[in-house]
Amino acid sequence: MENAIESFKANALKLSEALKERGIDKPALSPSSPFLRASHEIQTKAIERTQNQLKQMEIVPVRLEEFEKLRMICRFHGVKPVAPEVYERLTNDMAWEILDFGLNQLYRNETIFKLGNYTIEDYESYTPAELFSRPMSVLKPLVEKTLQVKASTKIVDLSDIPPYVIEETQTRLKAQFRIQHSFACPLKSISSNENTMFVFASIIEPLDPSRRVSIM
């Protein structure tokens, strides 16, 4: 247990410093210490995620276009997009991540790190469902689209999912964010030629407190 805590803290601090070099002030650790209360499985995955995120950030220069980052991260994982035009669709204002088909996050871009009032420890110790509340109406279409991606040979458009608002659940501020999903693109293994992960891209914008909405 003690080794896990020290390992995670070291990774979180390194990640915080790496983000600071990129102009992002994201605290490493939370005063409430959620990592200490997390299950062993969550702790193990959190350590792995932070280690892999650091390795990937080390190979990506500080100032690089988002499509170039994706190209480099794909090389790191030994995959390539099923549709090369994904590089043209990925814009610098997008929040994007790479997930496997167990929905384990393998990489998140810097735009995602910028958002919200959570620390690195918070993001790694809670599930997305615990971090944000969202309308129940969007869950079914999101699941259906994710199932489509696994077998797809092209980019899966997500713009038909209406924009919606999510809200922080673990902060005093309860900040809200408007999300418009853009697309998901399968990434296939260069060695096996099978879809093994995918890139998921969205536009996420903070909602002004004066425009707060009710999450249904």
C-alpha atoms as a PDB file:
ATOM      1  CA  MET A   1       0.000   0.000   0.000  1.00  0.00           C
ATOM      2  CA  GLU A   2       2.744   2.441   1.007  1.00  0.00           C
ATOM      3  CA  ASN A   3       4.709   1.681  -2.165  1.00  0.00           C
ATOM      4  CA  ALA A   4       1.610   2.316  -4.296  1.00  0.00           C
ATOM      5  CA  ILE A   5       1.007   5.665  -2.613  1.00  0.00           C
ATOM      6  CA  GLU A   6       4.599   6.805  -3.047  1.00  0.00           C
ATOM      7  CA  SER A   7       4.710   5.600  -6.647  1.00  0.00           C
ATOM      8  CA  PHE A   8       1.498   7.429  -7.528  1.00  0.00           C
ATOM      9  CA  LYS A   9       2.569  10.639  -5.785  1.00  0.00           C
ATOM     10  CA  ALA A  10       5.871  10.640  -7.666  1.00  0.00           C
ATOM     11  CA  ASN A  11       4.096  10.154 -10.998  1.00  0.00           C
ATOM     12  CA  ALA A  12       1.490  12.838 -10.243  1.00  0.00           C
ATOM     13  CA  LEU A  13       4.159  15.366  -9.305  1.00  0.00           C
ATOM     14  CA  LYS A  14       6.159  14.645 -12.476  1.00  0.00           C
ATOM     15  CA  LEU A  15       3.011  14.975 -14.559  1.00  0.00           C
ATOM     16  CA  SER A  16       2.142  18.267 -12.882  1.00  0.00           C
ATOM     17  CA  GLU A  17       5.630  19.587 -13.695  1.00  0.00           C
ATOM     18  CA  ALA A  18       5.396  18.397 -17.298  1.00  0.00           C
ATOM     19  CA  LEU A  19       2.077  20.224 -17.671  1.00  0.00           C
ATOM     20  CA  LYS A  20       3.552  23.356 -16.101  1.00  0.00           C
ATOM     21  CA  GLU A  21       6.193  23.362 -18.849  1.00  0.00           C
ATOM     22  CA  ARG A  22       3.283  23.472 -21.273  1.00  0.00           C
ATOM     23  CA  GLY A  23       1.669  26.422 -19.493  1.00  0.00           C
ATOM     24  CA  ILE A  24      -0.940  24.382 -17.617  1.00  0.00           C
ATOM     25  CA  ASP A  25      -1.194  24.854 -13.860  1.00  0.00           C
ATOM     26  CA  LYS A  26      -2.697  21.581 -12.671  1.00  0.00           C
ATOM     27  CA  PRO A  27      -2.023  20.625  -9.017  1.00  0.00           C
ATOM     28  CA  ALA A  28      -0.757  17.090  -8.529  1.00  0.00           C
ATOM     29  CA  LEU A  29      -2.371  16.095  -5.252  1.00  0.00           C
ATOM     30  CA  SER A  30      -5.738  16.687  -3.610  1.00  0.00           C
ATOM     31  CA  PRO A  31      -6.170  17.769   0.047  1.00  0.00           C
ATOM     32  CA  SER A  32      -8.897  15.139   0.399  1.00  0.00           C
ATOM     33  CA  SER A  33      -6.506  12.337  -0.678  1.00  0.00           C
ATOM     34  CA  PRO A  34      -8.996  10.246  -2.707  1.00  0.00           C
ATOM     35  CA  PHE A  35      -6.202   7.908  -3.880  1.00  0.00           C
ATOM     36  CA  LEU A  36      -5.852   6.602  -0.325  1.00  0.00           C
ATOM     37  CA  ARG A  37      -9.511   5.520  -0.314  1.00  0.00           C
ATOM     38  CA  ALA A  38      -9.489   3.987  -3.786  1.00  0.00           C
ATOM     39  CA  SER A  39      -9.550   0.236  -4.332  1.00  0.00           C
ATOM     40  CA  HIS A  40      -6.360  -1.641  -5.137  1.00  0.00           C
ATOM     41  CA  GLU A  41      -7.535  -2.090  -8.738  1.00  0.00           C
ATOM     42  CA  ILE A  42      -8.119   1.648  -9.203  1.00  0.00           C
ATOM     43  CA  GLN A  43      -4.763   2.463  -7.595  1.00  0.00           C
ATOM     44  CA  THR A  44      -2.948   0.038  -9.899  1.00  0.00           C
ATOM     45  CA  LYS A  45      -4.629   1.485 -13.003  1.00  0.00           C
ATOM     46  CA  ALA A  46      -3.939   5.048 -11.825  1.00  0.00           C
ATOM     47  CA  ILE A  47      -0.229   4.304 -11.482  1.00  0.00           C
ATOM     48  CA  GLU A  48      -0.144   2.689 -14.936  1.00  0.00           C
ATOM     49  CA  ARG A  49      -2.053   5.579 -16.545  1.00  0.00           C
ATOM     50  CA  THR A  50       0.209   8.258 -15.091  1.00  0.00           C
ATOM     51  CA  GLN A  51       3.336   6.312 -16.082  1.00  0.00           C
ATOM     52  CA  ASN A  52       2.087   5.886 -19.648  1.00  0.00           C
ATOM     53  CA  GLN A  53       0.933   9.504 -19.886  1.00  0.00           C
ATOM     54  CA  LEU A  54       4.400  10.676 -18.851  1.00  0.00           C
ATOM     55  CA  LYS A  55       6.107   8.398 -21.386  1.00  0.00           C
ATOM     56  CA  GLN A  56       3.866   9.700 -24.156  1.00  0.00           C
ATOM     57  CA  MET A  57       4.342  13.350 -23.188  1.00  0.00           C
ATOM     58  CA  GLU A  58       8.114  12.840 -23.237  1.00  0.00           C
ATOM     59  CA  ILE A  59       8.034  12.002 -26.944  1.00  0.00           C
ATOM     60  CA  VAL A  60       5.710  14.903 -27.858  1.00  0.00           C
ATOM     61  CA  PRO A  61       7.348  18.352 -28.149  1.00  0.00           C
ATOM     62  CA  VAL A  62       5.744  21.139 -26.135  1.00  0.00           C
ATOM     63  CA  ARG A  63       4.505  23.074 -29.162  1.00  0.00           C
ATOM     64  CA  LEU A  64       2.991  20.790 -31.752  1.00  0.00           C
ATOM     65  CA  GLU A  65      -0.229  20.727 -33.769  1.00  0.00           C
ATOM     66  CA  GLU A  66      -2.802  18.297 -32.378  1.00  0.00           C
ATOM     67  CA  PHE A  67      -2.816  16.117 -35.497  1.00  0.00           C
ATOM     68  CA  GLU A  68       0.962  15.796 -35.212  1.00  0.00           C
ATOM     69  CA  LYS A  69       0.601  14.726 -31.572  1.00  0.00           C
ATOM     70  CA  LEU A  70      -1.883  12.056 -32.607  1.00  0.00           C
ATOM     71  CA  ARG A  71       0.512  10.799 -35.270  1.00  0.00           C
ATOM     72  CA  MET A  72       3.314  10.459 -32.713  1.00  0.00           C
ATOM     73  CA  ILE A  73       1.099   8.821 -30.088  1.00  0.00           C
ATOM     74  CA  CYS A  74      -0.112   6.309 -32.677  1.00  0.00           C
ATOM     75  CA  ARG A  75       3.498   5.385 -33.425  1.00  0.00           C
ATOM     76  CA  PHE A  76       4.080   4.936 -29.684  1.00  0.00           C
ATOM     77  CA  HIS A  77       1.228   2.419 -29.473  1.00  0.00           C
ATOM     78  CA  GLY A  78       1.999   0.693 -32.770  1.00  0.00           C
ATOM     79  CA  VAL A  79      -1.344   1.603 -34.318  1.00  0.00           C
ATOM     80  CA  LYS A  80      -2.660   3.665 -37.215  1.00  0.00           C
ATOM     81  CA  PRO A  81      -6.054   5.261 -37.923  1.00  0.00           C
ATOM     82  CA  VAL A  82      -8.426   3.252 -40.119  1.00  0.00           C
ATOM     83  CA  ALA A  83      -9.068   6.548 -41.930  1.00  0.00           C
ATOM     84  CA  PRO A  84      -6.053   8.859 -42.485  1.00  0.00           C
ATOM     85  CA  GLU A  85      -8.403  11.844 -42.866  1.00  0.00           C
ATOM     86  CA  VAL A  86      -8.714  11.842 -39.078  1.00  0.00           C
ATOM     87  CA  TYR A  87      -5.584  13.994 -39.054  1.00  0.00           C
ATOM     88  CA  GLU A  88      -7.453  16.650 -41.042  1.00  0.00           C
ATOM     89  CA  ARG A  89     -10.483  16.540 -38.735  1.00  0.00           C
ATOM     90  CA  LEU A  90      -8.537  16.941 -35.500  1.00  0.00           C
ATOM     91  CA  THR A  91      -8.314  20.650 -34.647  1.00  0.00           C
ATOM     92  CA  ASN A  92      -6.259  22.447 -32.006  1.00  0.00           C
ATOM     93  CA  ASP A  93      -9.323  23.394 -29.933  1.00  0.00           C
ATOM     94  CA  MET A  94     -10.484  19.803 -29.528  1.00  0.00           C
ATOM     95  CA  ALA A  95     -10.307  17.752 -26.365  1.00  0.00           C
ATOM     96  CA  TRP A  96      -9.313  14.244 -27.387  1.00  0.00           C
ATOM     97  CA  GLU A  97      -8.288  11.013 -25.780  1.00  0.00           C
ATOM     98  CA  ILE A  98      -7.287   7.509 -26.784  1.00  0.00           C
ATOM     99  CA  LEU A  99      -9.196   4.613 -25.232  1.00  0.00           C
ATOM    100  CA  ASP A 100      -9.069   0.859 -25.581  1.00  0.00           C
ATOM    101  CA  PHE A 101     -12.313  -1.046 -26.053  1.00  0.00           C
ATOM    102  CA  GLY A 102     -12.533  -1.728 -22.337  1.00  0.00           C
ATOM    103  CA  LEU A 103     -12.851   2.091 -22.109  1.00  0.00           C
ATOM    104  CA  ASN A 104      -9.510   2.367 -20.316  1.00  0.00           C
ATOM    105  CA  GLN A 105      -7.959   5.729 -21.045  1.00  0.00           C
ATOM    106  CA  LEU A 106      -4.526   5.391 -22.655  1.00  0.00           C
ATOM    107  CA  TYR A 107      -3.857   9.068 -23.393  1.00  0.00           C
ATOM    108  CA  ARG A 108      -5.531  12.433 -22.827  1.00  0.00           C
ATOM    109  CA  ASN A 109      -4.460  15.610 -24.555  1.00  0.00           C
ATOM    110  CA  GLU A 110      -3.519  18.823 -22.776  1.00  0.00           C
ATOM    111  CA  THR A 111      -6.882  20.468 -23.464  1.00  0.00           C
ATOM    112  CA  ILE A 112      -8.533  17.890 -21.212  1.00  0.00           C
ATOM    113  CA  PHE A 113      -6.015  18.565 -18.453  1.00  0.00           C
ATOM    114  CA  LYS A 114      -6.799  22.301 -18.640  1.00  0.00           C
ATOM    115  CA  LEU A 115     -10.484  21.803 -17.927  1.00  0.00           C
ATOM    116  CA  GLY A 116     -12.084  21.840 -14.542  1.00  0.00           C
ATOM    117  CA  ASN A 117     -11.034  22.230 -10.949  1.00  0.00           C
ATOM    118  CA  TYR A 118      -9.785  18.718 -10.314  1.00  0.00           C
ATOM    119  CA  THR A 119      -6.225  17.748  -9.450  1.00  0.00           C
ATOM    120  CA  ILE A 120      -4.344  14.964 -11.210  1.00  0.00           C
ATOM    121  CA  GLU A 121      -5.057  12.806  -8.165  1.00  0.00           C
ATOM    122  CA  ASP A 122      -8.795  13.500  -8.477  1.00  0.00           C
ATOM    123  CA  TYR A 123      -8.862  12.568 -12.172  1.00  0.00           C
ATOM    124  CA  GLU A 124      -7.022   9.326 -11.513  1.00  0.00           C
ATOM    125  CA  SER A 125      -8.841   8.260  -8.326  1.00  0.00           C
ATOM    126  CA  TYR A 126     -12.463   8.664  -9.453  1.00  0.00           C
ATOM    127  CA  THR A 127     -14.315   7.239 -12.427  1.00  0.00           C
ATOM    128  CA  PRO A 128     -15.754   9.681 -15.011  1.00  0.00           C
ATOM    129  CA  ALA A 129     -19.216   8.888 -13.627  1.00  0.00           C
ATOM    130  CA  GLU A 130     -18.071   9.927 -10.139  1.00  0.00           C
ATOM    131  CA  LEU A 131     -16.381  13.114 -11.371  1.00  0.00           C
ATOM    132  CA  PHE A 132     -19.243  14.487 -13.494  1.00  0.00           C
ATOM    133  CA  SER A 133     -23.006  14.252 -13.610  1.00  0.00           C
ATOM    134  CA  ARG A 134     -24.544  14.246 -17.075  1.00  0.00           C
ATOM    135  CA  PRO A 135     -27.991  13.855 -18.635  1.00  0.00           C
ATOM    136  CA  MET A 136     -29.175  10.243 -18.649  1.00  0.00           C
ATOM    137  CA  SER A 137     -30.495  10.777 -22.175  1.00  0.00           C
ATOM    138  CA  VAL A 138     -26.986  10.853 -23.686  1.00  0.00           C
ATOM    139  CA  LEU A 139     -25.734   7.600 -22.150  1.00  0.00           C
ATOM    140  CA  LYS A 140     -27.537   5.208 -24.500  1.00  0.00           C
ATOM    141  CA  PRO A 141     -26.444   6.875 -27.772  1.00  0.00           C
ATOM    142  CA  LEU A 142     -22.867   7.139 -26.464  1.00  0.00           C
ATOM    143  CA  VAL A 143     -22.772   3.425 -25.682  1.00  0.00           C
ATOM    144  CA  GLU A 144     -24.293   2.574 -29.077  1.00  0.00           C
ATOM    145  CA  LYS A 145     -21.720   4.703 -30.898  1.00  0.00           C
ATOM    146  CA  THR A 146     -18.849   3.144 -28.944  1.00  0.00           C
ATOM    147  CA  LEU A 147     -20.041  -0.324 -29.979  1.00  0.00           C
ATOM    148  CA  GLN A 148     -20.069   0.829 -33.611  1.00  0.00           C
ATOM    149  CA  VAL A 149     -16.485   2.062 -33.395  1.00  0.00           C
ATOM    150  CA  LYS A 150     -15.003  -1.339 -32.526  1.00  0.00           C
ATOM    151  CA  ALA A 151     -16.061  -2.889 -35.837  1.00  0.00           C
ATOM    152  CA  SER A 152     -15.856   0.245 -37.993  1.00  0.00           C
ATOM    153  CA  THR A 153     -13.527   0.736 -40.952  1.00  0.00           C
ATOM    154  CA  LYS A 154     -14.115   4.481 -41.056  1.00  0.00           C
ATOM    155  CA  ILE A 155     -14.532   7.524 -38.824  1.00  0.00           C
ATOM    156  CA  VAL A 156     -17.731   7.382 -36.770  1.00  0.00           C
ATOM    157  CA  ASP A 157     -19.419  10.783 -36.736  1.00  0.00           C
ATOM    158  CA  LEU A 158     -20.764  11.836 -33.331  1.00  0.00           C
ATOM    159  CA  SER A 159     -22.199  15.239 -34.242  1.00  0.00           C
ATOM    160  CA  ASP A 160     -25.740  13.819 -34.275  1.00  0.00           C
ATOM    161  CA  ILE A 161     -25.541  13.488 -30.477  1.00  0.00           C
ATOM    162  CA  PRO A 162     -26.945  16.839 -29.284  1.00  0.00           C
ATOM    163  CA  PRO A 163     -24.631  19.073 -27.202  1.00  0.00           C
ATOM    164  CA  TYR A 164     -25.147  18.636 -23.472  1.00  0.00           C
ATOM    165  CA  VAL A 165     -23.835  19.897 -20.149  1.00  0.00           C
ATOM    166  CA  ILE A 166     -21.882  18.021 -17.484  1.00  0.00           C
ATOM    167  CA  GLU A 167     -21.251  19.204 -13.932  1.00  0.00           C
ATOM    168  CA  GLU A 168     -18.431  18.570 -11.476  1.00  0.00           C
ATOM    169  CA  THR A 169     -19.589  16.486  -8.542  1.00  0.00           C
ATOM    170  CA  GLN A 170     -16.497  16.454  -6.323  1.00  0.00           C
ATOM    171  CA  THR A 171     -15.756  20.190  -6.114  1.00  0.00           C
ATOM    172  CA  ARG A 172     -17.322  23.060  -4.199  1.00  0.00           C
ATOM    173  CA  LEU A 173     -17.605  25.112  -7.410  1.00  0.00           C
ATOM    174  CA  LYS A 174     -19.667  22.489  -9.267  1.00  0.00           C
ATOM    175  CA  ALA A 175     -18.404  23.918 -12.559  1.00  0.00           C
ATOM    176  CA  GLN A 176     -20.373  23.086 -15.691  1.00  0.00           C
ATOM    177  CA  PHE A 177     -19.093  22.352 -19.196  1.00  0.00           C
ATOM    178  CA  ARG A 178     -20.845  22.177 -22.555  1.00  0.00           C
ATOM    179  CA  ILE A 179     -19.812  19.197 -24.668  1.00  0.00           C
ATOM    180  CA  GLN A 180     -20.259  18.690 -28.392  1.00  0.00           C
ATOM    181  CA  HIS A 181     -18.917  15.303 -29.437  1.00  0.00           C
ATOM    182  CA  SER A 182     -17.194  15.383 -32.834  1.00  0.00           C
ATOM    183  CA  PHE A 183     -16.039  11.933 -33.905  1.00  0.00           C
ATOM    184  CA  ALA A 184     -14.455   8.654 -32.934  1.00  0.00           C
ATOM    185  CA  CYS A 185     -11.905   6.916 -35.112  1.00  0.00           C
ATOM    186  CA  PRO A 186     -10.728   3.324 -34.651  1.00  0.00           C
ATOM    187  CA  LEU A 187      -6.984   2.730 -34.458  1.00  0.00           C
ATOM    188  CA  LYS A 188      -5.807  -0.608 -35.794  1.00  0.00           C
ATOM    189  CA  SER A 189      -2.745  -2.527 -34.732  1.00  0.00           C
ATOM    190  CA  ILE A 190       0.010  -2.430 -37.329  1.00  0.00           C
ATOM    191  CA  SER A 191       0.999  -5.997 -36.425  1.00  0.00           C
ATOM    192  CA  SER A 192      -2.444  -7.657 -36.291  1.00  0.00           C
ATOM    193  CA  ASN A 193      -4.445  -5.233 -38.478  1.00  0.00           C
ATOM    194  CA  GLU A 194      -7.263  -5.358 -35.893  1.00  0.00           C
ATOM    195  CA  ASN A 195      -8.974  -2.400 -34.212  1.00  0.00           C
ATOM    196  CA  THR A 196      -7.475  -2.280 -30.726  1.00  0.00           C
ATOM    197  CA  MET A 197      -8.226   1.274 -29.559  1.00  0.00           C
ATOM    198  CA  PHE A 198      -9.817   4.498 -30.745  1.00  0.00           C
ATOM    199  CA  VAL A 199      -9.447   8.267 -30.623  1.00  0.00           C
ATOM    200  CA  PHE A 200     -12.458  10.166 -29.249  1.00  0.00           C
ATOM    201  CA  ALA A 201     -12.695  13.911 -29.967  1.00  0.00           C
ATOM    202  CA  SER A 202     -15.005  16.622 -28.626  1.00  0.00           C
ATOM    203  CA  ILE A 203     -15.300  20.364 -28.165  1.00  0.00           C
ATOM    204  CA  ILE A 204     -15.602  21.130 -24.435  1.00  0.00           C
ATOM    205  CA  GLU A 205     -16.223  24.661 -23.185  1.00  0.00           C
ATOM    206  CA  PRO A 206     -16.675  25.975 -19.622  1.00  0.00           C
ATOM    207  CA  LEU A 207     -20.169  27.288 -19.021  1.00  0.00           C
ATOM    208  CA  ASP A 208     -20.416  30.735 -17.479  1.00  0.00           C
ATOM    209  CA  PRO A 209     -21.879  30.475 -13.937  1.00  0.00           C
ATOM    210  CA  SER A 210     -24.644  32.886 -14.953  1.00  0.00           C
ATOM    211  CA  ARG A 211     -25.788  30.336 -17.570  1.00  0.00           C
ATOM    212  CA  ARG A 212     -25.961  27.282 -15.325  1.00  0.00           C
ATOM    213  CA  VAL A 213     -28.423  24.597 -16.340  1.00  0.00           C
ATOM    214  CA  SER A 214     -30.181  21.779 -14.565  1.00  0.00           C
ATOM    215  CA  ILE A 215     -28.704  18.336 -15.290  1.00  0.00           C
ATOM    216  CA  MET A 216     -31.553  15.934 -16.112  1.00  0.00           C
END
